[in-house]
Amino acid sequence: MSRVRRVLGLLAWIALAGPILAASPTPSTGPGGDPRSSGQGPGLVGDPVLALAGVLAIGVGALVLTLVYLRLTARRDS
């Protein structure tokens, strides 16, 4: 009985879900032009070097924490 209720609940949830609308990816035509650049046309916004350094720092941090966790946990076969 519980499995039937779960399936019916899932089907009702899917049936009642409304459409999801997002903003258009095209540049705006409002006053001031495209807010994604400083007026010279499409290009990189922000600092890509800083973003790359952040991604690398997160990756190295995850690696270090994983190795520390593996070193500190006891083996199950001993």
C-alpha atoms as a PDB file:
ATOM      1  CA  MET A   1       0.000   0.000   0.000  1.00  0.00           C
ATOM      2  CA  SER A   2       2.847   2.365   0.826  1.00  0.00           C
ATOM      3  CA  ARG A   3       4.476   1.890  -2.578  1.00  0.00           C
ATOM      4  CA  VAL A   4       1.182   2.649  -4.351  1.00  0.00           C
ATOM      5  CA  ARG A   5       0.818   5.879  -2.368  1.00  0.00           C
ATOM      6  CA  ARG A   6       4.361   6.903  -3.258  1.00  0.00           C
ATOM      7  CA  VAL A   7       3.777   6.283  -6.956  1.00  0.00           C
ATOM      8  CA  LEU A   8       0.450   8.144  -6.884  1.00  0.00           C
ATOM      9  CA  GLY A   9       2.050  11.016  -4.990  1.00  0.00           C
ATOM     10  CA  LEU A  10       4.879  11.216  -7.520  1.00  0.00           C
ATOM     11  CA  LEU A  11       2.450  11.188 -10.435  1.00  0.00           C
ATOM     12  CA  ALA A  12       0.329  13.922  -8.825  1.00  0.00           C
ATOM     13  CA  TRP A  13       3.423  16.011  -8.152  1.00  0.00           C
ATOM     14  CA  ILE A  14       4.532  15.700 -11.790  1.00  0.00           C
ATOM     15  CA  ALA A  15       1.022  16.452 -13.101  1.00  0.00           C
ATOM     16  CA  LEU A  16       0.657  19.580 -10.964  1.00  0.00           C
ATOM     17  CA  ALA A  17       4.099  20.967 -11.724  1.00  0.00           C
ATOM     18  CA  GLY A  18       3.912  24.223 -13.648  1.00  0.00           C
ATOM     19  CA  PRO A  19       6.183  25.417 -16.420  1.00  0.00           C
ATOM     20  CA  ILE A  20       9.508  26.935 -15.465  1.00  0.00           C
ATOM     21  CA  LEU A  21      10.332  30.158 -17.268  1.00  0.00           C
ATOM     22  CA  ALA A  22      13.753  31.785 -17.380  1.00  0.00           C
ATOM     23  CA  ALA A  23      15.094  35.071 -18.675  1.00  0.00           C
ATOM     24  CA  SER A  24      16.053  35.318 -22.304  1.00  0.00           C
ATOM     25  CA  PRO A  25      19.784  34.950 -23.075  1.00  0.00           C
ATOM     26  CA  THR A  26      19.602  37.680 -25.723  1.00  0.00           C
ATOM     27  CA  PRO A  27      20.971  41.144 -24.891  1.00  0.00           C
ATOM     28  CA  SER A  28      18.464  43.624 -23.571  1.00  0.00           C
ATOM     29  CA  THR A  29      17.376  46.560 -25.695  1.00  0.00           C
ATOM     30  CA  GLY A  30      16.613  48.793 -22.738  1.00  0.00           C
ATOM     31  CA  PRO A  31      18.358  52.082 -22.024  1.00  0.00           C
ATOM     32  CA  GLY A  32      22.018  51.485 -21.319  1.00  0.00           C
ATOM     33  CA  GLY A  33      22.440  48.523 -23.649  1.00  0.00           C
ATOM     34  CA  ASP A  34      23.708  45.098 -22.694  1.00  0.00           C
ATOM     35  CA  PRO A  35      24.422  44.911 -18.953  1.00  0.00           C
ATOM     36  CA  ARG A  36      26.824  42.002 -19.458  1.00  0.00           C
ATOM     37  CA  SER A  37      29.622  44.140 -20.911  1.00  0.00           C
ATOM     38  CA  SER A  38      30.959  47.649 -20.573  1.00  0.00           C
ATOM     39  CA  GLY A  39      29.740  48.885 -23.949  1.00  0.00           C
ATOM     40  CA  GLN A  40      32.399  47.473 -26.258  1.00  0.00           C
ATOM     41  CA  GLY A  41      30.422  44.376 -27.227  1.00  0.00           C
ATOM     42  CA  PRO A  42      30.367  40.795 -26.047  1.00  0.00           C
ATOM     43  CA  GLY A  43      33.348  39.535 -24.128  1.00  0.00           C
ATOM     44  CA  LEU A  44      34.510  38.069 -20.845  1.00  0.00           C
ATOM     45  CA  VAL A  45      32.870  39.559 -17.778  1.00  0.00           C
ATOM     46  CA  GLY A  46      34.702  39.344 -14.473  1.00  0.00           C
ATOM     47  CA  ASP A  47      38.172  37.985 -13.826  1.00  0.00           C
ATOM     48  CA  PRO A  48      38.693  34.572 -15.451  1.00  0.00           C
ATOM     49  CA  VAL A  49      42.117  34.109 -13.827  1.00  0.00           C
ATOM     50  CA  LEU A  50      40.609  34.545 -10.365  1.00  0.00           C
ATOM     51  CA  ALA A  51      37.798  32.132 -11.241  1.00  0.00           C
ATOM     52  CA  LEU A  52      40.309  29.527 -12.451  1.00  0.00           C
ATOM     53  CA  ALA A  53      42.385  29.976  -9.280  1.00  0.00           C
ATOM     54  CA  GLY A  54      39.246  29.464  -7.179  1.00  0.00           C
ATOM     55  CA  VAL A  55      38.342  26.269  -9.012  1.00  0.00           C
ATOM     56  CA  LEU A  56      41.882  24.935  -8.589  1.00  0.00           C
ATOM     57  CA  ALA A  57      41.898  25.848  -4.879  1.00  0.00           C
ATOM     58  CA  ILE A  58      38.619  24.000  -4.327  1.00  0.00           C
ATOM     59  CA  GLY A  59      39.957  20.952  -6.181  1.00  0.00           C
ATOM     60  CA  VAL A  60      43.229  20.868  -4.238  1.00  0.00           C
ATOM     61  CA  GLY A  61      41.345  21.387  -0.979  1.00  0.00           C
ATOM     62  CA  ALA A  62      39.032  18.474  -1.763  1.00  0.00           C
ATOM     63  CA  LEU A  63      42.030  16.289  -2.609  1.00  0.00           C
ATOM     64  CA  VAL A  64      43.830  17.171   0.631  1.00  0.00           C
ATOM     65  CA  LEU A  65      40.729  16.611   2.767  1.00  0.00           C
ATOM     66  CA  THR A  66      40.109  13.252   1.080  1.00  0.00           C
ATOM     67  CA  LEU A  67      43.672  12.119   1.708  1.00  0.00           C
ATOM     68  CA  VAL A  68      43.503  13.255   5.349  1.00  0.00           C
ATOM     69  CA  TYR A  69      40.211  11.394   5.819  1.00  0.00           C
ATOM     70  CA  LEU A  70      41.650   8.226   4.292  1.00  0.00           C
ATOM     71  CA  ARG A  71      44.765   8.476   6.457  1.00  0.00           C
ATOM     72  CA  LEU A  72      42.805   9.017   9.683  1.00  0.00           C
ATOM     73  CA  THR A  73      40.181   6.310   9.235  1.00  0.00           C
ATOM     74  CA  ALA A  74      41.033   2.801  10.386  1.00  0.00           C
ATOM     75  CA  ARG A  75      41.171  -0.115   7.989  1.00  0.00           C
ATOM     76  CA  ARG A  76      38.351  -2.604   8.344  1.00  0.00           C
ATOM     77  CA  ASP A  77      40.481  -5.659   7.615  1.00  0.00           C
ATOM     78  CA  SER A  78      42.857  -5.167  10.569  1.00  0.00           C
END
